[in-house]
C-alpha atoms as a PDB file:
ATOM      1  CA  MET A   1      -4.941   2.884  -5.023  1.00  0.00           C
ATOM      2  CA  THR A   2      -8.059   2.698  -2.887  1.00  0.00           C
ATOM      3  CA  THR A   3     -11.327   0.884  -3.326  1.00  0.00           C
ATOM      4  CA  ALA A   4     -14.183   3.343  -3.355  1.00  0.00           C
ATOM      5  CA  SER A   5     -16.951   3.720  -0.864  1.00  0.00           C
ATOM      6  CA  SER A   6     -20.426   4.774  -1.853  1.00  0.00           C
ATOM      7  CA  THR A   7     -19.747   8.370  -0.768  1.00  0.00           C
ATOM      8  CA  LEU A   8     -17.979   9.291  -4.019  1.00  0.00           C
ATOM      9  CA  ASN A   9     -19.745   9.721  -7.331  1.00  0.00           C
ATOM     10  CA  THR A  10     -16.521   9.350  -9.294  1.00  0.00           C
ATOM     11  CA  LYS A  11     -13.692   6.871  -9.323  1.00  0.00           C
ATOM     12  CA  THR A  12     -11.547   6.838  -6.234  1.00  0.00           C
ATOM     13  CA  PRO A  13      -8.331   8.778  -6.829  1.00  0.00           C
ATOM     14  CA  VAL A  14      -4.983   7.086  -7.276  1.00  0.00           C
ATOM     15  CA  PHE A  15      -1.958   8.603  -5.561  1.00  0.00           C
ATOM     16  CA  PHE A  16       1.771   8.388  -6.063  1.00  0.00           C
ATOM     17  CA  ILE A  17       3.401   9.290  -2.783  1.00  0.00           C
ATOM     18  CA  SER A  18       7.030   9.540  -1.893  1.00  0.00           C
ATOM     19  CA  HIS A  19       8.020   8.597   1.617  1.00  0.00           C
ATOM     20  CA  GLY A  20      11.599   8.625   2.928  1.00  0.00           C
ATOM     21  CA  GLY A  21      12.842   7.085   6.131  1.00  0.00           C
ATOM     22  CA  PRO A  22      11.018   6.380   9.367  1.00  0.00           C
ATOM     23  CA  ASN A  23      11.889   9.843  10.662  1.00  0.00           C
ATOM     24  CA  LEU A  24       8.961  10.984   8.493  1.00  0.00           C
ATOM     25  CA  LEU A  25       6.790   9.836  11.417  1.00  0.00           C
ATOM     26  CA  GLU A  26       8.014  12.862  13.396  1.00  0.00           C
ATOM     27  CA  ARG A  27       8.216  15.473  10.636  1.00  0.00           C
ATOM     28  CA  ASN A  28       6.024  18.538  11.070  1.00  0.00           C
ATOM     29  CA  ASP A  29       7.410  20.658   8.223  1.00  0.00           C
ATOM     30  CA  LYS A  30       6.235  20.390   4.590  1.00  0.00           C
ATOM     31  CA  PRO A  31       6.211  16.575   4.373  1.00  0.00           C
ATOM     32  CA  GLY A  32       4.355  16.409   7.677  1.00  0.00           C
ATOM     33  CA  GLU A  33       1.837  19.001   6.537  1.00  0.00           C
ATOM     34  CA  PHE A  34       1.145  16.947   3.404  1.00  0.00           C
ATOM     35  CA  TYR A  35       0.617  13.755   5.405  1.00  0.00           C
ATOM     36  CA  ASN A  36      -1.694  15.557   7.847  1.00  0.00           C
ATOM     37  CA  TRP A  37      -3.816  16.610   4.862  1.00  0.00           C
ATOM     38  CA  PHE A  38      -3.530  13.191   3.192  1.00  0.00           C
ATOM     39  CA  GLY A  39      -4.722  11.270   6.258  1.00  0.00           C
ATOM     40  CA  LYS A  40      -7.717  13.563   6.723  1.00  0.00           C
ATOM     41  CA  TYR A  41      -8.527  13.328   3.009  1.00  0.00           C
ATOM     42  CA  ILE A  42      -8.458   9.529   3.107  1.00  0.00           C
ATOM     43  CA  GLN A  43     -10.475   9.163   6.292  1.00  0.00           C
ATOM     44  CA  GLU A  44     -12.919  12.074   5.970  1.00  0.00           C
ATOM     45  CA  THR A  45     -13.405  12.630   2.232  1.00  0.00           C
ATOM     46  CA  ILE A  46     -12.616   9.440   0.338  1.00  0.00           C
ATOM     47  CA  LYS A  47     -13.675   7.033   3.103  1.00  0.00           C
ATOM     48  CA  PRO A  48     -12.403   3.943   1.243  1.00  0.00           C
ATOM     49  CA  LYS A  49     -13.306   0.386   2.148  1.00  0.00           C
ATOM     50  CA  ALA A  50      -9.628  -0.588   1.824  1.00  0.00           C
ATOM     51  CA  ILE A  51      -6.308   0.638   0.481  1.00  0.00           C
ATOM     52  CA  VAL A  52      -4.235  -1.243  -2.073  1.00  0.00           C
ATOM     53  CA  VAL A  53      -0.612  -0.066  -2.264  1.00  0.00           C
ATOM     54  CA  ILE A  54       1.966  -0.989  -4.888  1.00  0.00           C
ATOM     55  CA  SER A  55       5.390  -0.709  -3.286  1.00  0.00           C
ATOM     56  CA  ALA A  56       8.687  -0.409  -5.128  1.00  0.00           C
ATOM     57  CA  HIS A  57      10.355  -1.863  -2.020  1.00  0.00           C
ATOM     58  CA  TRP A  58       8.889  -5.291  -2.789  1.00  0.00           C
ATOM     59  CA  GLN A  59       9.610  -7.004  -6.075  1.00  0.00           C
ATOM     60  CA  GLY A  60       7.810 -10.103  -7.305  1.00  0.00           C
ATOM     61  CA  GLN A  61       9.531 -13.345  -8.209  1.00  0.00           C
ATOM     62  CA  GLY A  62      10.555 -14.132 -11.767  1.00  0.00           C
ATOM     63  CA  ARG A  63      10.161 -12.139 -14.949  1.00  0.00           C
ATOM     64  CA  LEU A  64       6.356 -11.961 -14.916  1.00  0.00           C
ATOM     65  CA  GLY A  65       5.469 -12.443 -11.260  1.00  0.00           C
ATOM     66  CA  ILE A  66       3.600 -10.196  -8.852  1.00  0.00           C
ATOM     67  CA  SER A  67       3.142 -10.960  -5.162  1.00  0.00           C
ATOM     68  CA  VAL A  68       0.213  -9.767  -3.067  1.00  0.00           C
ATOM     69  CA  ASP A  69       0.286  -9.687   0.729  1.00  0.00           C
ATOM     70  CA  SER A  70      -2.540 -11.803   2.119  1.00  0.00           C
ATOM     71  CA  SER A  71      -1.771 -11.325   5.815  1.00  0.00           C
ATOM     72  CA  GLU A  72      -4.707 -10.773   8.153  1.00  0.00           C
ATOM     73  CA  THR A  73      -2.404  -8.733  10.381  1.00  0.00           C
ATOM     74  CA  PRO A  74       0.649  -7.735   8.304  1.00  0.00           C
ATOM     75  CA  LYS A  75       3.924  -7.561  10.178  1.00  0.00           C
ATOM     76  CA  LEU A  76       5.924  -4.372   9.863  1.00  0.00           C
ATOM     77  CA  ILE A  77       9.124  -4.801   7.877  1.00  0.00           C
ATOM     78  CA  TYR A  78      11.904  -2.546   9.139  1.00  0.00           C
ATOM     79  CA  ASP A  79      13.775  -2.358   5.826  1.00  0.00           C
ATOM     80  CA  PHE A  80      15.795   0.738   6.648  1.00  0.00           C
ATOM     81  CA  TYR A  81      19.199   1.130   8.229  1.00  0.00           C
ATOM     82  CA  ASN A  82      21.193   3.383  10.568  1.00  0.00           C
ATOM     83  CA  PHE A  83      18.228   5.097  12.205  1.00  0.00           C
ATOM     84  CA  PRO A  84      17.750   5.492  15.971  1.00  0.00           C
ATOM     85  CA  GLU A  85      16.609   2.301  17.707  1.00  0.00           C
ATOM     86  CA  ARG A  86      13.136   3.698  18.499  1.00  0.00           C
ATOM     87  CA  TYR A  87      12.132   3.386  14.831  1.00  0.00           C
ATOM     88  CA  TYR A  88      12.752  -0.368  14.903  1.00  0.00           C
ATOM     89  CA  LYS A  89      10.252  -0.673  17.751  1.00  0.00           C
ATOM     90  CA  GLU A  90       7.385   1.135  15.993  1.00  0.00           C
ATOM     91  CA  THR A  91       4.023  -0.623  15.933  1.00  0.00           C
ATOM     92  CA  TRP A  92       0.818   0.147  14.062  1.00  0.00           C
ATOM     93  CA  ASP A  93      -2.792  -0.970  14.478  1.00  0.00           C
ATOM     94  CA  HIS A  94      -3.359  -1.781  10.804  1.00  0.00           C
ATOM     95  CA  THR A  95      -4.977  -4.866   9.322  1.00  0.00           C
ATOM     96  CA  GLY A  96      -4.805  -6.665   6.004  1.00  0.00           C
ATOM     97  CA  SER A  97      -7.498  -8.412   4.006  1.00  0.00           C
ATOM     98  CA  PRO A  98      -6.942 -11.924   2.664  1.00  0.00           C
ATOM     99  CA  GLU A  99     -10.227 -11.557   0.758  1.00  0.00           C
ATOM    100  CA  LEU A 100      -9.142  -8.372  -1.014  1.00  0.00           C
ATOM    101  CA  ALA A 101      -5.698  -9.873  -1.650  1.00  0.00           C
ATOM    102  CA  GLY A 102      -7.456 -12.784  -3.363  1.00  0.00           C
ATOM    103  CA  ARG A 103      -9.472 -10.371  -5.486  1.00  0.00           C
ATOM    104  CA  VAL A 104      -6.279  -8.534  -6.490  1.00  0.00           C
ATOM    105  CA  VAL A 105      -4.615 -11.835  -7.482  1.00  0.00           C
ATOM    106  CA  ASN A 106      -7.679 -12.806  -9.548  1.00  0.00           C
ATOM    107  CA  LEU A 107      -7.774  -9.433 -11.341  1.00  0.00           C
ATOM    108  CA  LEU A 108      -4.093  -9.753 -12.191  1.00  0.00           C
ATOM    109  CA  LYS A 109      -4.492 -13.321 -13.463  1.00  0.00           C
ATOM    110  CA  GLN A 110      -7.489 -12.281 -15.584  1.00  0.00           C
ATOM    111  CA  SER A 111      -5.177  -9.755 -17.235  1.00  0.00           C
ATOM    112  CA  GLY A 112      -2.564 -12.398 -17.986  1.00  0.00           C
ATOM    113  CA  ILE A 113      -0.233 -11.418 -15.149  1.00  0.00           C
ATOM    114  CA  HIS A 114       1.231 -14.243 -13.070  1.00  0.00           C
ATOM    115  CA  ALA A 115       0.322 -13.409  -9.469  1.00  0.00           C
ATOM    116  CA  ARG A 116       0.323 -15.165  -6.138  1.00  0.00           C
ATOM    117  CA  SER A 117      -0.646 -14.307  -2.596  1.00  0.00           C
ATOM    118  CA  GLU A 118       1.683 -14.719   0.336  1.00  0.00           C
ATOM    119  CA  GLU A 119       1.962 -13.502   3.900  1.00  0.00           C
ATOM    120  CA  ASN A 120       4.764 -10.981   3.543  1.00  0.00           C
ATOM    121  CA  GLY A 121       3.966  -7.954   5.690  1.00  0.00           C
ATOM    122  CA  ASN A 122       4.316  -4.260   4.920  1.00  0.00           C
ATOM    123  CA  ASP A 123       7.645  -2.641   4.094  1.00  0.00           C
ATOM    124  CA  HIS A 124       8.473   0.880   5.232  1.00  0.00           C
ATOM    125  CA  GLY A 125       7.361   2.290   1.852  1.00  0.00           C
ATOM    126  CA  VAL A 126       3.830   1.337   2.899  1.00  0.00           C
ATOM    127  CA  TRP A 127       3.586   1.585   6.665  1.00  0.00           C
ATOM    128  CA  VAL A 128       5.696   4.699   7.317  1.00  0.00           C
ATOM    129  CA  PRO A 129       3.722   7.115   5.087  1.00  0.00           C
ATOM    130  CA  LEU A 130       0.341   5.593   5.930  1.00  0.00           C
ATOM    131  CA  LYS A 131       1.056   5.563   9.662  1.00  0.00           C
ATOM    132  CA  ARG A 132       2.208   9.186   9.400  1.00  0.00           C
ATOM    133  CA  ALA A 133      -1.017  10.039   7.590  1.00  0.00           C
ATOM    134  CA  MET A 134      -3.349   7.928   9.770  1.00  0.00           C
ATOM    135  CA  ARG A 135      -2.030   7.178  13.231  1.00  0.00           C
ATOM    136  CA  SER A 136      -4.901   4.710  13.440  1.00  0.00           C
ATOM    137  CA  THR A 137      -6.540   3.052  10.458  1.00  0.00           C
ATOM    138  CA  GLY A 138      -9.742   2.378  12.366  1.00  0.00           C
ATOM    139  CA  GLY A 139      -9.907  -1.100  10.832  1.00  0.00           C
ATOM    140  CA  LEU A 140      -9.284   0.096   7.256  1.00  0.00           C
ATOM    141  CA  PRO A 141      -7.485  -2.835   5.558  1.00  0.00           C
ATOM    142  CA  ILE A 142      -4.167  -2.236   3.793  1.00  0.00           C
ATOM    143  CA  VAL A 143      -3.088  -4.688   1.057  1.00  0.00           C
ATOM    144  CA  GLU A 144       0.425  -4.409  -0.366  1.00  0.00           C
ATOM    145  CA  VAL A 145       1.252  -5.432  -3.937  1.00  0.00           C
ATOM    146  CA  SER A 146       4.773  -5.902  -5.288  1.00  0.00           C
ATOM    147  CA  THR A 147       6.165  -4.516  -8.495  1.00  0.00           C
ATOM    148  CA  PHE A 148       7.664  -6.783 -11.136  1.00  0.00           C
ATOM    149  CA  SER A 149      11.322  -7.695 -10.616  1.00  0.00           C
ATOM    150  CA  HIS A 150      12.251  -5.639 -13.694  1.00  0.00           C
ATOM    151  CA  GLU A 151      11.610  -2.167 -15.047  1.00  0.00           C
ATOM    152  CA  ASN A 152       9.464  -3.101 -18.072  1.00  0.00           C
ATOM    153  CA  MET A 153       7.139  -0.086 -18.141  1.00  0.00           C
ATOM    154  CA  PRO A 154       4.404  -1.608 -20.373  1.00  0.00           C
ATOM    155  CA  LEU A 155       3.985  -4.494 -17.903  1.00  0.00           C
ATOM    156  CA  HIS A 156       3.813  -2.114 -14.950  1.00  0.00           C
ATOM    157  CA  ILE A 157       1.165  -0.085 -16.781  1.00  0.00           C
ATOM    158  CA  LYS A 158      -0.725  -3.337 -17.398  1.00  0.00           C
ATOM    159  CA  LEU A 159      -0.511  -4.000 -13.639  1.00  0.00           C
ATOM    160  CA  GLY A 160      -2.200  -0.669 -12.900  1.00  0.00           C
ATOM    161  CA  GLU A 161      -4.831  -1.227 -15.578  1.00  0.00           C
ATOM    162  CA  ALA A 162      -5.620  -4.673 -14.168  1.00  0.00           C
ATOM    163  CA  LEU A 163      -6.359  -3.110 -10.767  1.00  0.00           C
ATOM    164  CA  ALA A 164      -8.588  -0.330 -12.149  1.00  0.00           C
ATOM    165  CA  PRO A 165     -11.829  -2.184 -11.245  1.00  0.00           C
ATOM    166  CA  LEU A 166     -10.935  -1.663  -7.573  1.00  0.00           C
ATOM    167  CA  ARG A 167     -11.517   2.062  -7.990  1.00  0.00           C
END
C-alpha cells in the first residue's frame, strides 16, 4: 500500500506482489521485467510520499496484535537460507518513517486492532522486491507492518480496511 501524492486524482493503487529469494535481485527474465516496470511505475507515475508494506514474513504478537516497524533506518533482515554469501552482504539506501509508523498504529487502534510500534527492520519479503524494483528509493520511506499471528481472514481484511485512509 502506498500513500498518495498530489499527482493522482484517484486513490493510490494497492499491490499484492510475490517475491522469492534474494536471487530475484539479479533476475532479468519475466520476474525481472515486472520489477523493472514496477519500480518505474512507483517512482515515475504514482510518486508516493511513502510505502507501507504488509509482510507475511513478520507476524504480530498474540491473537490480536499487529507490529509496525518504526525504525528511522530499518536494518535488513536476511531471513533466507542456503544462498550464496553475497546475498547476506546486500545493503540498501532505504529509510523508514517513525511518524508514518505512528500514524499506522493510530489507524489500527482506531479500528479496534491492538497495534504497537517497534524497531524491527525489513525482512526479505519487503526489501528484496523493493530493492529489485528501485535500486535507490531516493529518500522514499518504507514502513513494514506485520500480519496477525493467525490466519483469521476477517481480521486481516479489517487490517487492510483500517489502513485505507493512507491511500
